Protein backbone atom coordinates (compact mmCIF):
# COMPACT_ATOMS: atom_id res chain seq x y z
CA MET A 1 -79.59 14.79 -2.42
CA PRO A 2 -80.70 18.39 -2.64
CA ALA A 3 -82.34 20.00 0.26
CA GLU A 4 -85.82 20.23 -0.27
CA TRP A 5 -85.68 24.19 0.02
CA GLU A 6 -83.78 23.90 -3.33
CA THR A 7 -85.87 24.93 -6.56
CA HIS A 8 -87.84 22.33 -7.86
CA SER A 9 -89.61 22.04 -11.21
CA ALA A 10 -92.68 20.38 -9.94
CA THR A 11 -94.40 18.84 -6.93
CA GLN A 12 -95.74 15.03 -7.15
CA LEU A 13 -99.34 14.25 -5.75
CA HIS A 14 -101.60 11.47 -6.24
CA TRP A 15 -105.29 12.25 -6.17
CA PRO A 16 -107.00 10.15 -3.05
CA SER A 17 -108.68 6.86 -4.19
CA ASN A 18 -107.75 4.04 -1.77
CA ARG A 19 -111.26 2.96 -0.04
CA ASP A 20 -109.40 0.82 2.39
CA THR A 21 -107.61 3.99 3.63
CA TRP A 22 -110.26 6.59 3.23
CA PRO A 23 -113.58 4.70 4.04
CA GLY A 24 -116.99 6.01 3.49
CA GLU A 25 -116.88 9.95 3.80
CA ALA A 26 -113.44 10.03 4.80
CA LEU A 27 -112.61 9.99 1.23
CA GLU A 28 -114.41 13.36 0.45
CA ARG A 29 -112.80 14.98 3.46
CA ALA A 30 -109.19 13.70 2.19
CA GLU A 31 -110.15 15.47 -1.14
CA ASN A 32 -111.13 18.71 0.25
CA VAL A 33 -107.73 18.94 1.93
CA TYR A 34 -106.15 17.86 -1.22
CA ARG A 35 -107.69 20.97 -3.20
CA GLU A 36 -106.42 23.08 -0.29
CA ILE A 37 -102.80 21.91 -0.75
CA ILE A 38 -103.08 22.24 -4.54
CA PHE A 39 -104.54 25.53 -4.50
CA HIS A 40 -101.56 27.08 -2.46
CA LEU A 41 -98.78 25.19 -4.13
CA HIS A 42 -99.93 25.59 -7.80
CA ARG A 43 -99.26 29.26 -7.46
CA PHE A 44 -95.62 28.62 -6.92
CA GLU A 45 -94.90 25.63 -8.98
CA ARG A 46 -96.39 23.00 -11.41
CA VAL A 47 -98.27 19.66 -10.00
CA VAL A 48 -97.89 16.71 -11.09
CA LEU A 49 -101.08 14.94 -10.06
CA LEU A 50 -101.07 11.18 -10.66
CA CYS A 51 -104.84 9.66 -11.08
CA ASP A 52 -105.45 6.15 -10.90
CA PRO A 53 -107.23 4.89 -13.87
CA SER A 54 -110.33 4.12 -11.82
CA LEU A 55 -110.95 7.56 -11.55
CA ASP A 56 -112.82 10.00 -13.83
CA GLN A 57 -110.25 13.12 -14.51
CA ASN A 58 -113.01 15.45 -15.89
CA ILE A 59 -114.74 14.90 -12.25
CA ILE A 60 -111.35 15.74 -10.66
CA ARG A 61 -110.56 18.95 -12.76
CA LYS A 62 -114.17 20.08 -11.92
CA LYS A 63 -113.41 19.78 -8.40
CA LEU A 64 -109.96 21.74 -8.63
CA GLN A 65 -111.60 24.32 -10.62
CA ASP A 66 -114.45 25.05 -8.47
CA ARG A 67 -111.37 25.82 -5.96
CA GLY A 68 -109.88 28.33 -8.14
CA ILE A 69 -107.08 26.14 -9.21
CA ASP A 70 -105.66 27.16 -12.80
CA LEU A 71 -105.23 23.87 -14.41
CA GLN A 72 -102.28 25.01 -16.76
CA ASN A 73 -100.24 24.76 -13.67
CA VAL A 74 -101.64 21.14 -12.70
CA ARG A 75 -100.96 18.25 -14.88
CA LEU A 76 -102.96 15.46 -14.79
CA PHE A 77 -101.53 11.73 -15.68
CA THR A 78 -103.59 8.45 -15.69
CA VAL A 79 -101.16 6.00 -13.69
CA PRO A 80 -102.02 3.01 -11.63
CA VAL A 81 -101.32 4.10 -7.81
CA ASN A 82 -102.04 2.17 -4.65
CA ASP A 83 -102.51 4.95 -2.26
CA VAL A 84 -101.62 8.67 -1.86
CA TRP A 85 -98.21 8.44 -0.38
CA ALA A 86 -96.00 9.95 -2.83
CA ARG A 87 -93.21 10.86 -0.20
CA ASP A 88 -92.38 7.26 0.44
CA CYS A 89 -92.59 5.54 -3.31
CA GLY A 90 -91.89 8.51 -5.46
CA PRO A 91 -88.62 9.24 -7.07
CA ILE A 92 -85.78 10.36 -4.93
CA PHE A 93 -83.34 12.85 -6.76
CA VAL A 94 -79.68 13.37 -6.59
CA LYS A 95 -77.67 15.86 -8.51
CA LYS A 96 -73.99 16.68 -9.37
CA MET A 97 -72.82 19.73 -10.70
CA THR A 98 -71.07 19.95 -14.05
CA ASP A 99 -69.91 23.52 -15.51
CA ASN A 100 -72.11 25.15 -12.56
CA SER A 101 -74.98 23.42 -13.93
CA PRO A 102 -77.03 20.52 -12.12
CA GLU A 103 -77.55 17.03 -13.49
CA TYR A 104 -80.23 15.22 -11.99
CA VAL A 105 -80.33 11.34 -11.56
CA ILE A 106 -83.41 9.41 -9.88
CA THR A 107 -82.38 6.80 -7.32
CA ASP A 108 -85.18 4.03 -7.58
CA TRP A 109 -85.77 2.48 -4.44
CA GLU A 110 -87.97 -0.67 -3.48
CA TYR A 111 -91.10 0.41 -1.59
CA ASN A 112 -92.88 -2.21 0.44
CA ALA A 113 -95.77 -0.03 2.12
CA TRP A 114 -93.74 0.01 5.24
CA GLY A 115 -92.81 -3.83 5.48
CA GLU A 116 -95.80 -5.10 3.38
CA LYS A 117 -98.22 -3.77 6.02
CA TYR A 118 -100.61 -2.67 3.06
CA PRO A 119 -100.68 -5.04 -0.02
CA PRO A 120 -100.94 -4.46 -2.96
CA PHE A 121 -98.04 -1.77 -3.54
CA ASP A 122 -96.86 -2.89 -6.59
CA ALA A 123 -98.12 0.00 -8.69
CA ASP A 124 -96.73 2.37 -6.29
CA ASN A 125 -93.16 0.81 -6.22
CA SER A 126 -93.30 1.17 -10.15
CA LEU A 127 -93.37 5.01 -10.16
CA PRO A 128 -89.68 6.00 -10.10
CA ASP A 129 -89.47 3.76 -13.29
CA TRP A 130 -92.45 5.84 -14.73
CA PHE A 131 -90.98 9.16 -13.84
CA SER A 132 -87.75 7.94 -15.55
CA LYS A 133 -89.26 6.74 -18.71
CA THR A 134 -91.91 9.38 -18.97
CA PHE A 135 -89.63 12.47 -18.52
CA GLY A 136 -86.08 10.83 -19.91
CA ILE A 137 -84.42 11.27 -16.68
CA PRO A 138 -81.80 8.52 -16.05
CA ALA A 139 -82.22 6.51 -12.66
CA ILE A 140 -80.58 4.18 -10.88
CA LYS A 141 -81.96 1.09 -9.30
CA THR A 142 -80.73 0.34 -5.65
CA GLY A 143 -82.65 -2.69 -5.17
CA ARG A 144 -82.92 -1.85 -1.51
CA VAL A 145 -85.92 -0.71 0.64
CA LEU A 146 -86.34 3.00 1.46
CA GLU A 147 -88.84 5.57 1.82
CA GLY A 148 -88.66 9.39 1.51
CA GLY A 149 -90.29 10.01 4.66
CA SER A 150 -87.79 7.91 6.62
CA ILE A 151 -85.03 10.75 5.75
CA ASP A 152 -84.43 14.25 5.96
CA THR A 153 -81.19 15.96 4.66
CA ASN A 154 -79.74 19.62 4.90
CA GLY A 155 -78.55 18.85 1.15
CA LYS A 156 -74.71 19.40 2.97
CA GLY A 157 -74.19 15.75 3.97
CA THR A 158 -75.98 15.39 6.76
CA PHE A 159 -79.40 13.16 7.18
CA LEU A 160 -81.89 12.51 9.84
CA THR A 161 -83.32 9.22 10.24
CA THR A 162 -84.88 6.72 12.91
CA GLU A 163 -83.37 3.33 13.99
CA SER A 164 -87.21 2.14 14.26
CA VAL A 165 -87.44 2.53 10.55
CA LEU A 166 -84.04 1.93 8.89
CA LEU A 167 -82.89 -0.82 11.35
CA ASN A 168 -86.42 -2.56 11.01
CA PRO A 169 -85.92 -6.00 9.98
CA ASN A 170 -89.22 -5.46 7.61
CA ARG A 171 -87.06 -3.44 5.27
CA ASN A 172 -83.40 -4.65 4.74
CA PRO A 173 -83.19 -7.41 7.36
CA GLU A 174 -79.50 -8.54 5.56
CA LEU A 175 -77.95 -4.97 6.17
CA SER A 176 -76.45 -4.11 9.15
CA LYS A 177 -76.36 -0.35 10.89
CA SER A 178 -72.94 0.25 9.03
CA GLN A 179 -74.09 -1.24 5.91
CA ILE A 180 -77.31 1.06 5.72
CA GLU A 181 -75.15 4.12 6.55
CA GLN A 182 -73.09 3.25 3.65
CA MET A 183 -76.07 2.72 1.29
CA LEU A 184 -76.74 6.30 2.06
CA CYS A 185 -73.63 7.36 1.48
CA GLU A 186 -73.44 5.74 -1.84
CA TYR A 187 -76.80 6.49 -3.42
CA LEU A 188 -77.70 9.98 -1.60
CA GLY A 189 -74.22 11.35 -1.06
CA ALA A 190 -74.59 11.20 2.79
CA GLU A 191 -71.53 12.28 4.94
CA GLN A 192 -73.24 12.18 8.64
CA ILE A 193 -76.14 10.36 10.01
CA ILE A 194 -77.79 11.23 12.95
CA TRP A 195 -79.85 8.34 14.28
CA LEU A 196 -83.23 9.37 16.32
CA LYS A 197 -84.84 6.34 17.96
CA ARG A 198 -88.46 6.02 17.60
CA GLY A 199 -91.68 7.73 15.94
CA LEU A 200 -95.17 8.97 17.00
CA ALA A 201 -97.71 6.63 18.61
CA GLY A 202 -100.00 5.94 15.75
CA ASP A 203 -97.32 6.27 13.06
CA ASP A 204 -98.02 2.91 10.85
CA THR A 205 -94.24 3.63 9.02
CA ASP A 206 -93.01 2.39 12.14
CA GLY A 207 -91.79 5.99 12.97
CA HIS A 208 -90.84 8.31 9.72
CA VAL A 209 -88.61 11.28 10.85
CA ASP A 210 -90.68 13.76 8.78
CA ASP A 211 -93.14 13.53 11.66
CA LEU A 212 -90.53 14.05 14.26
CA SER A 213 -87.63 16.50 13.28
CA ARG A 214 -86.70 18.42 10.08
CA PHE A 215 -84.04 20.84 8.59
CA VAL A 216 -85.29 24.17 7.64
CA ASN A 217 -82.07 25.37 6.78
CA LYS A 218 -78.15 23.81 6.60
CA ASN A 219 -77.63 24.47 10.38
CA THR A 220 -81.27 24.46 11.97
CA ILE A 221 -83.43 21.77 13.11
CA VAL A 222 -87.13 21.91 14.08
CA THR A 223 -88.23 19.02 16.10
CA MET A 224 -91.83 17.79 17.81
CA VAL A 225 -91.73 18.05 21.78
CA SER A 226 -94.29 17.45 24.42
CA GLU A 227 -94.56 19.37 27.79
CA ASP A 228 -97.35 16.90 29.30
CA ARG A 229 -95.30 13.83 30.88
CA ASP A 230 -98.49 11.93 30.38
CA ASP A 231 -98.49 12.47 26.67
CA VAL A 232 -98.06 9.11 24.96
CA ASN A 233 -95.14 10.67 22.93
CA TYR A 234 -93.50 12.30 25.65
CA GLU A 235 -90.72 10.15 26.29
CA THR A 236 -89.97 9.45 22.61
CA LEU A 237 -89.58 13.01 21.89
CA LYS A 238 -87.48 13.88 25.04
CA GLU A 239 -85.06 11.07 23.90
CA ASN A 240 -84.83 12.46 20.14
CA LEU A 241 -84.43 16.12 21.34
CA ASP A 242 -81.63 14.88 23.61
CA ILE A 243 -79.98 13.24 20.82
CA LEU A 244 -79.82 16.42 18.55
CA LYS A 245 -78.93 19.05 21.12
CA ASN A 246 -75.80 16.58 21.30
CA ALA A 247 -75.38 16.17 17.69
CA SER A 248 -72.76 18.21 15.03
CA ASP A 249 -72.67 19.07 11.69
CA VAL A 250 -69.83 17.73 9.27
CA ASP A 251 -67.83 20.45 10.64
CA GLY A 252 -67.94 19.61 14.14
CA LYS A 253 -70.72 22.75 14.48
CA PRO A 254 -73.67 22.28 16.84
CA PHE A 255 -77.40 22.62 15.27
CA HIS A 256 -79.48 25.26 16.24
CA ILE A 257 -82.45 23.28 17.63
CA ILE A 258 -86.15 24.78 17.86
CA GLU A 259 -88.86 23.05 19.30
CA LEU A 260 -92.45 22.60 17.95
CA PRO A 261 -95.38 22.06 20.39
CA MET A 262 -97.31 18.50 20.19
CA PRO A 263 -100.97 18.78 18.92
CA VAL A 264 -103.57 16.57 20.35
CA THR A 265 -103.30 12.75 18.85
CA LYS A 266 -105.64 10.86 20.35
CA THR A 267 -108.81 10.13 18.27
CA VAL A 268 -112.37 9.30 19.52
CA VAL A 269 -112.93 7.24 16.33
CA PRO A 270 -110.08 4.56 15.33
CA THR A 271 -108.15 4.62 12.34
CA VAL A 272 -108.26 2.45 9.71
CA ASP A 273 -105.31 0.39 11.49
CA GLY A 274 -107.45 0.32 14.75
CA SER A 275 -105.06 2.86 16.52
CA TYR A 276 -106.58 5.56 18.88
CA PHE A 277 -103.62 7.83 17.92
CA ILE A 278 -103.08 9.69 14.66
CA PRO A 279 -99.42 11.10 13.49
CA ALA A 280 -100.75 14.73 13.52
CA SER A 281 -97.33 16.99 13.47
CA TYR A 282 -96.43 20.26 12.72
CA ALA A 283 -93.14 18.99 11.55
CA ASN A 284 -94.91 17.38 8.47
CA PHE A 285 -94.80 20.69 6.59
CA TYR A 286 -93.40 20.77 3.03
CA ILE A 287 -90.97 23.60 1.50
CA ALA A 288 -92.00 24.41 -2.07
CA ASN A 289 -90.48 27.10 -4.12
CA GLY A 290 -92.33 30.37 -3.11
CA VAL A 291 -94.53 28.66 -0.25
CA VAL A 292 -94.30 26.49 2.79
CA LEU A 293 -97.48 24.22 3.47
CA VAL A 294 -97.65 23.85 7.17
CA PRO A 295 -100.26 21.39 8.78
CA LEU A 296 -102.55 22.70 11.36
CA TYR A 297 -104.35 20.44 13.92
CA ASP A 298 -104.77 22.22 17.06
CA LYS A 299 -106.39 25.59 17.53
CA ASN A 300 -104.30 25.91 20.97
CA HIS A 301 -101.05 25.93 18.80
CA ASP A 302 -101.92 26.51 15.32
CA ASP A 303 -101.14 30.43 15.59
CA ASP A 304 -97.86 29.92 17.30
CA VAL A 305 -96.76 27.53 14.69
CA LEU A 306 -97.62 29.75 11.77
CA MET A 307 -95.67 32.69 13.37
CA LEU A 308 -92.53 30.65 13.84
CA PHE A 309 -92.91 29.55 10.36
CA ARG A 310 -92.99 33.29 9.05
CA LYS A 311 -90.00 33.99 11.16
CA LEU A 312 -87.98 30.76 9.56
CA PHE A 313 -88.98 31.32 6.22
CA PRO A 314 -89.33 35.40 5.59
CA ASN A 315 -88.91 35.00 1.97
CA ARG A 316 -91.46 32.28 1.15
CA GLU A 317 -95.51 32.81 1.62
CA ILE A 318 -96.96 30.54 4.68
CA ALA A 319 -99.91 28.63 4.24
CA GLY A 320 -101.58 26.90 7.00
CA ILE A 321 -103.88 23.88 5.97
CA GLN A 322 -106.27 22.22 8.38
CA CYS A 323 -105.04 18.33 8.10
CA SER A 324 -106.97 16.56 10.67
CA ASP A 325 -108.81 14.79 8.18
CA LEU A 326 -105.42 14.08 6.02
CA ALA A 327 -103.78 12.78 9.49
CA TRP A 328 -106.66 10.65 10.18
CA GLY A 329 -105.55 8.33 7.31
CA GLN A 330 -101.76 8.10 8.59
CA GLY A 331 -100.32 10.72 7.16
CA SER A 332 -100.18 14.84 6.32
CA ILE A 333 -98.73 17.30 3.98
CA HIS A 334 -94.88 15.88 3.37
CA CYS A 335 -96.00 12.68 3.47
CA ILE A 336 -98.27 13.06 0.03
CA THR A 337 -95.66 15.23 -1.60
CA GLN A 338 -92.47 14.56 -3.42
CA GLN A 339 -90.42 17.28 -5.00
CA LEU A 340 -89.33 16.73 -8.62
CA TYR A 341 -86.64 18.23 -10.41
CA ASP A 342 -85.52 18.40 -14.34
CA ILE A 343 -89.22 17.53 -14.99
CA VAL A 344 -90.61 19.30 -18.20
CA LEU A 345 -94.23 19.78 -18.56
């Protein structure tokens, strides 16, 4: 599996339409965040925007054009979708090198909406097959449940994940930990798995790693921490930090660990699943071809985080995007994007 900073051919997004996730005015607020994301993204790579048949594409096009988005770089497709979480249900690409050229294959995993929490999810589960058939890319059906947000890789064989997700009986109850490790080795080329423990309060995925810790290069990991001992996430993040500090790469070398601050995650209005905490995380950034999209939530930390990302990615533009309205729906930038390879538009 390639690292996210390797060159993409496009990014997958789903225009928001699920009224259970985005009730009332929440839908329009989510659309506004989408417009900002697409505006910054489309200047650096193509966007494959999936639109449920219930939507009017002309209205979507008008909303995008009003934000100054060049539709030549945004390709809209009418495809049934259940919700916006492209990271978790979209195709996960792997590659092999042949005569110094990459050949890409889609790994088609089962998607069950994080343990069948939010049915229906059949349309989203069909999307890897749709990509395979639409763009003529070979696919391997794994028959196993895995979401893209539950793993992160440096492209050199090391993967980050969490026990609270991959060992959860609502995914692959018949598999042991060692069998799950073998699954990642067989289908994604993993050589080493670093197991973190739990995820953020309010994360209805059971604790995806892309809200906790991410690779920014082959030997550097950024990880969320809290300095407030009364923070609901304090102990979880401290435990994960300790694990990372004691981890090493496939060559036995320690990783460079950089800490990210914890924004305010408590909300006055409960989310759609009744939680008073949102999974707001600066780790939910997305590395595109010439830009890094960084979610913003908290004026006490936003500027420092943007400064850090400018140091981490000196050759990419850093685009900060206010994402509180997106996080209210239980996800952020990384959750709604999926990098695509070998896609010809």
